[in-house]
Amino acid sequence: MKNKIRIGLIILSLVFIFVGGVRGEINRVFTKAANICLECMGIG
């Protein structure tokens, strides 16, 4: 039973990662991360 739940959650997470990649969310996340890093250093 636990193995089926784990496999189901892994498959679900991979589906969400794929959907996010198709929607262009990866670029948005990296852009926000870069902006936060630059703000912390006082550059941005």
PDB file of N, CA and C in Angstrom:
ATOM      1  N   MET A   1       0.817  -1.200   0.000  1.00  0.00           N
ATOM      2  CA  MET A   1       0.000   0.000   0.000  1.00  0.00           C
ATOM      3  C   MET A   1       0.858   1.262   0.000  1.00  0.00           C
ATOM      4  N   LYS A   2       1.888   1.295   0.871  1.00  0.00           N
ATOM      5  CA  LYS A   2       2.753   2.475   0.943  1.00  0.00           C
ATOM      6  C   LYS A   2       3.500   2.688  -0.369  1.00  0.00           C
ATOM      7  N   ASN A   3       3.913   1.595  -0.997  1.00  0.00           N
ATOM      8  CA  ASN A   3       4.635   1.721  -2.258  1.00  0.00           C
ATOM      9  C   ASN A   3       3.750   2.307  -3.355  1.00  0.00           C
ATOM     10  N   LYS A   4       2.473   1.935  -3.377  1.00  0.00           N
ATOM     11  CA  LYS A   4       1.560   2.470  -4.378  1.00  0.00           C
ATOM     12  C   LYS A   4       1.359   3.971  -4.171  1.00  0.00           C
ATOM     13  N   ILE A   5       1.263   4.392  -2.918  1.00  0.00           N
ATOM     14  CA  ILE A   5       1.104   5.818  -2.625  1.00  0.00           C
ATOM     15  C   ILE A   5       2.354   6.576  -3.034  1.00  0.00           C
ATOM     16  N   ARG A   6       3.510   6.032  -2.727  1.00  0.00           N
ATOM     17  CA  ARG A   6       4.771   6.693  -3.105  1.00  0.00           C
ATOM     18  C   ARG A   6       4.896   6.822  -4.617  1.00  0.00           C
ATOM     19  N   ILE A   7       4.620   5.759  -5.317  1.00  0.00           N
ATOM     20  CA  ILE A   7       4.719   5.783  -6.784  1.00  0.00           C
ATOM     21  C   ILE A   7       3.715   6.773  -7.359  1.00  0.00           C
ATOM     22  N   GLY A   8       2.500   6.797  -6.804  1.00  0.00           N
ATOM     23  CA  GLY A   8       1.488   7.739  -7.266  1.00  0.00           C
ATOM     24  C   GLY A   8       1.920   9.183  -7.049  1.00  0.00           C
ATOM     25  N   LEU A   9       2.509   9.473  -5.895  1.00  0.00           N
ATOM     26  CA  LEU A   9       2.970  10.825  -5.609  1.00  0.00           C
ATOM     27  C   LEU A   9       4.143  11.228  -6.501  1.00  0.00           C
ATOM     28  N   ILE A  10       5.024  10.287  -6.784  1.00  0.00           N
ATOM     29  CA  ILE A  10       6.150  10.577  -7.676  1.00  0.00           C
ATOM     30  C   ILE A  10       5.639  10.878  -9.088  1.00  0.00           C
ATOM     31  N   ILE A  11       4.704  10.085  -9.557  1.00  0.00           N
ATOM     32  CA  ILE A  11       4.138  10.313 -10.889  1.00  0.00           C
ATOM     33  C   ILE A  11       3.415  11.657 -10.923  1.00  0.00           C
ATOM     34  N   LEU A  12       2.648  11.962  -9.892  1.00  0.00           N
ATOM     35  CA  LEU A  12       1.933  13.228  -9.825  1.00  0.00           C
ATOM     36  C   LEU A  12       2.900  14.411  -9.823  1.00  0.00           C
ATOM     37  N   SER A  13       3.983  14.297  -9.069  1.00  0.00           N
ATOM     38  CA  SER A  13       4.962  15.390  -9.032  1.00  0.00           C
ATOM     39  C   SER A  13       5.636  15.568 -10.391  1.00  0.00           C
ATOM     40  N   LEU A  14       5.932  14.485 -11.082  1.00  0.00           N
ATOM     41  CA  LEU A  14       6.532  14.584 -12.411  1.00  0.00           C
ATOM     42  C   LEU A  14       5.566  15.233 -13.410  1.00  0.00           C
ATOM     43  N   VAL A  15       4.288  14.927 -13.279  1.00  0.00           N
ATOM     44  CA  VAL A  15       3.292  15.551 -14.148  1.00  0.00           C
ATOM     45  C   VAL A  15       3.247  17.057 -13.901  1.00  0.00           C
ATOM     46  N   PHE A  16       3.253  17.461 -12.622  1.00  0.00           N
ATOM     47  CA  PHE A  16       3.229  18.892 -12.303  1.00  0.00           C
ATOM     48  C   PHE A  16       4.496  19.590 -12.780  1.00  0.00           C
ATOM     49  N   ILE A  17       5.636  18.948 -12.667  1.00  0.00           N
ATOM     50  CA  ILE A  17       6.881  19.532 -13.169  1.00  0.00           C
ATOM     51  C   ILE A  17       6.805  19.701 -14.677  1.00  0.00           C
ATOM     52  N   PHE A  18       6.293  18.711 -15.369  1.00  0.00           N
ATOM     53  CA  PHE A  18       6.157  18.785 -16.825  1.00  0.00           C
ATOM     54  C   PHE A  18       5.206  19.914 -17.231  1.00  0.00           C
ATOM     55  N   VAL A  19       4.064  20.000 -16.561  1.00  0.00           N
ATOM     56  CA  VAL A  19       3.089  21.045 -16.881  1.00  0.00           C
ATOM     57  C   VAL A  19       3.694  22.425 -16.628  1.00  0.00           C
ATOM     58  N   GLY A  20       4.422  22.577 -15.529  1.00  0.00           N
ATOM     59  CA  GLY A  20       5.080  23.851 -15.253  1.00  0.00           C
ATOM     60  C   GLY A  20       6.104  24.202 -16.317  1.00  0.00           C
ATOM     61  N   GLY A  21       6.834  23.221 -16.787  1.00  0.00           N
ATOM     62  CA  GLY A  21       7.807  23.462 -17.850  1.00  0.00           C
ATOM     63  C   GLY A  21       7.154  23.870 -19.150  1.00  0.00           C
ATOM     64  N   VAL A  22       6.039  23.264 -19.480  1.00  0.00           N
ATOM     65  CA  VAL A  22       5.317  23.596 -20.705  1.00  0.00           C
ATOM     66  C   VAL A  22       4.772  25.025 -20.629  1.00  0.00           C
ATOM     67  N   ARG A  23       4.348  25.434 -19.429  1.00  0.00           N
ATOM     68  CA  ARG A  23       3.763  26.777 -19.263  1.00  0.00           C
ATOM     69  C   ARG A  23       4.825  27.866 -19.129  1.00  0.00           C
ATOM     70  N   GLY A  24       6.093  27.514 -19.100  1.00  0.00           N
ATOM     71  CA  GLY A  24       7.152  28.510 -19.000  1.00  0.00           C
ATOM     72  C   GLY A  24       7.455  28.948 -17.579  1.00  0.00           C
ATOM     73  N   GLU A  25       7.011  28.174 -16.607  1.00  0.00           N
ATOM     74  CA  GLU A  25       7.215  28.536 -15.204  1.00  0.00           C
ATOM     75  C   GLU A  25       8.687  28.454 -14.808  1.00  0.00           C
ATOM     76  N   ILE A  26       9.464  27.637 -15.482  1.00  0.00           N
ATOM     77  CA  ILE A  26      10.872  27.476 -15.122  1.00  0.00           C
ATOM     78  C   ILE A  26      11.610  28.794 -15.302  1.00  0.00           C
ATOM     79  N   ASN A  27      11.371  29.466 -16.415  1.00  0.00           N
ATOM     80  CA  ASN A  27      12.020  30.758 -16.652  1.00  0.00           C
ATOM     81  C   ASN A  27      11.599  31.784 -15.618  1.00  0.00           C
ATOM     82  N   ARG A  28      10.333  31.763 -15.244  1.00  0.00           N
ATOM     83  CA  ARG A  28       9.834  32.712 -14.248  1.00  0.00           C
ATOM     84  C   ARG A  28      10.508  32.489 -12.893  1.00  0.00           C
ATOM     85  N   VAL A  29      10.669  31.229 -12.522  1.00  0.00           N
ATOM     86  CA  VAL A  29      11.297  30.914 -11.237  1.00  0.00           C
ATOM     87  C   VAL A  29      12.752  31.362 -11.233  1.00  0.00           C
ATOM     88  N   PHE A  30      13.483  31.090 -12.304  1.00  0.00           N
ATOM     89  CA  PHE A  30      14.893  31.497 -12.359  1.00  0.00           C
ATOM     90  C   PHE A  30      15.038  33.014 -12.376  1.00  0.00           C
ATOM     91  N   THR A  31      14.128  33.712 -13.046  1.00  0.00           N
ATOM     92  CA  THR A  31      14.175  35.172 -13.066  1.00  0.00           C
ATOM     93  C   THR A  31      13.936  35.738 -11.672  1.00  0.00           C
ATOM     94  N   LYS A  32      12.951  35.202 -10.966  1.00  0.00           N
ATOM     95  CA  LYS A  32      12.672  35.678  -9.613  1.00  0.00           C
ATOM     96  C   LYS A  32      13.836  35.364  -8.682  1.00  0.00           C
ATOM     97  N   ALA A  33      14.424  34.187  -8.829  1.00  0.00           N
ATOM     98  CA  ALA A  33      15.562  33.817  -7.985  1.00  0.00           C
ATOM     99  C   ALA A  33      16.747  34.742  -8.221  1.00  0.00           C
ATOM    100  N   ALA A  34      17.007  35.078  -9.474  1.00  0.00           N
ATOM    101  CA  ALA A  34      18.112  35.971  -9.784  1.00  0.00           C
ATOM    102  C   ALA A  34      17.856  37.367  -9.212  1.00  0.00           C
ATOM    103  N   ASN A  35      16.623  37.849  -9.309  1.00  0.00           N
ATOM    104  CA  ASN A  35      16.290  39.160  -8.771  1.00  0.00           C
ATOM    105  C   ASN A  35      16.455  39.195  -7.255  1.00  0.00           C
ATOM    106  N   ILE A  36      16.036  38.144  -6.577  1.00  0.00           N
ATOM    107  CA  ILE A  36      16.177  38.084  -5.117  1.00  0.00           C
ATOM    108  C   ILE A  36      17.652  38.080  -4.744  1.00  0.00           C
ATOM    109  N   CYS A  37      18.470  37.315  -5.449  1.00  0.00           N
ATOM    110  CA  CYS A  37      19.904  37.258  -5.142  1.00  0.00           C
ATOM    111  C   CYS A  37      20.552  38.629  -5.350  1.00  0.00           C
ATOM    112  N   LEU A  38      20.197  39.306  -6.426  1.00  0.00           N
ATOM    113  CA  LEU A  38      20.776  40.616  -6.703  1.00  0.00           C
ATOM    114  C   LEU A  38      20.337  41.639  -5.654  1.00  0.00           C
ATOM    115  N   GLU A  39      19.084  41.550  -5.200  1.00  0.00           N
ATOM    116  CA  GLU A  39      18.604  42.466  -4.168  1.00  0.00           C
ATOM    117  C   GLU A  39      19.322  42.227  -2.848  1.00  0.00           C
ATOM    118  N   CYS A  40      19.604  40.975  -2.526  1.00  0.00           N
ATOM    119  CA  CYS A  40      20.301  40.666  -1.269  1.00  0.00           C
ATOM    120  C   CYS A  40      21.725  41.231  -1.282  1.00  0.00           C
ATOM    121  N   MET A  41      22.360  41.251  -2.439  1.00  0.00           N
ATOM    122  CA  MET A  41      23.718  41.771  -2.539  1.00  0.00           C
ATOM    123  C   MET A  41      23.717  43.289  -2.676  1.00  0.00           C
ATOM    124  N   GLY A  42      22.558  43.886  -2.891  1.00  0.00           N
ATOM    125  CA  GLY A  42      22.469  45.327  -3.018  1.00  0.00           C
ATOM    126  C   GLY A  42      22.713  45.828  -4.426  1.00  0.00           C
ATOM    127  N   ILE A  43      22.734  44.940  -5.399  1.00  0.00           N
ATOM    128  CA  ILE A  43      23.000  45.346  -6.785  1.00  0.00           C
ATOM    129  C   ILE A  43      21.687  45.707  -7.487  1.00  0.00           C
ATOM    130  N   GLY A  44      20.644  44.917  -7.250  1.00  0.00           N
ATOM    131  CA  GLY A  44      19.403  45.089  -7.997  1.00  0.00           C
ATOM    132  C   GLY A  44      18.509  46.059  -7.417  1.00  0.00           C
TER     133      GLY A  44
END
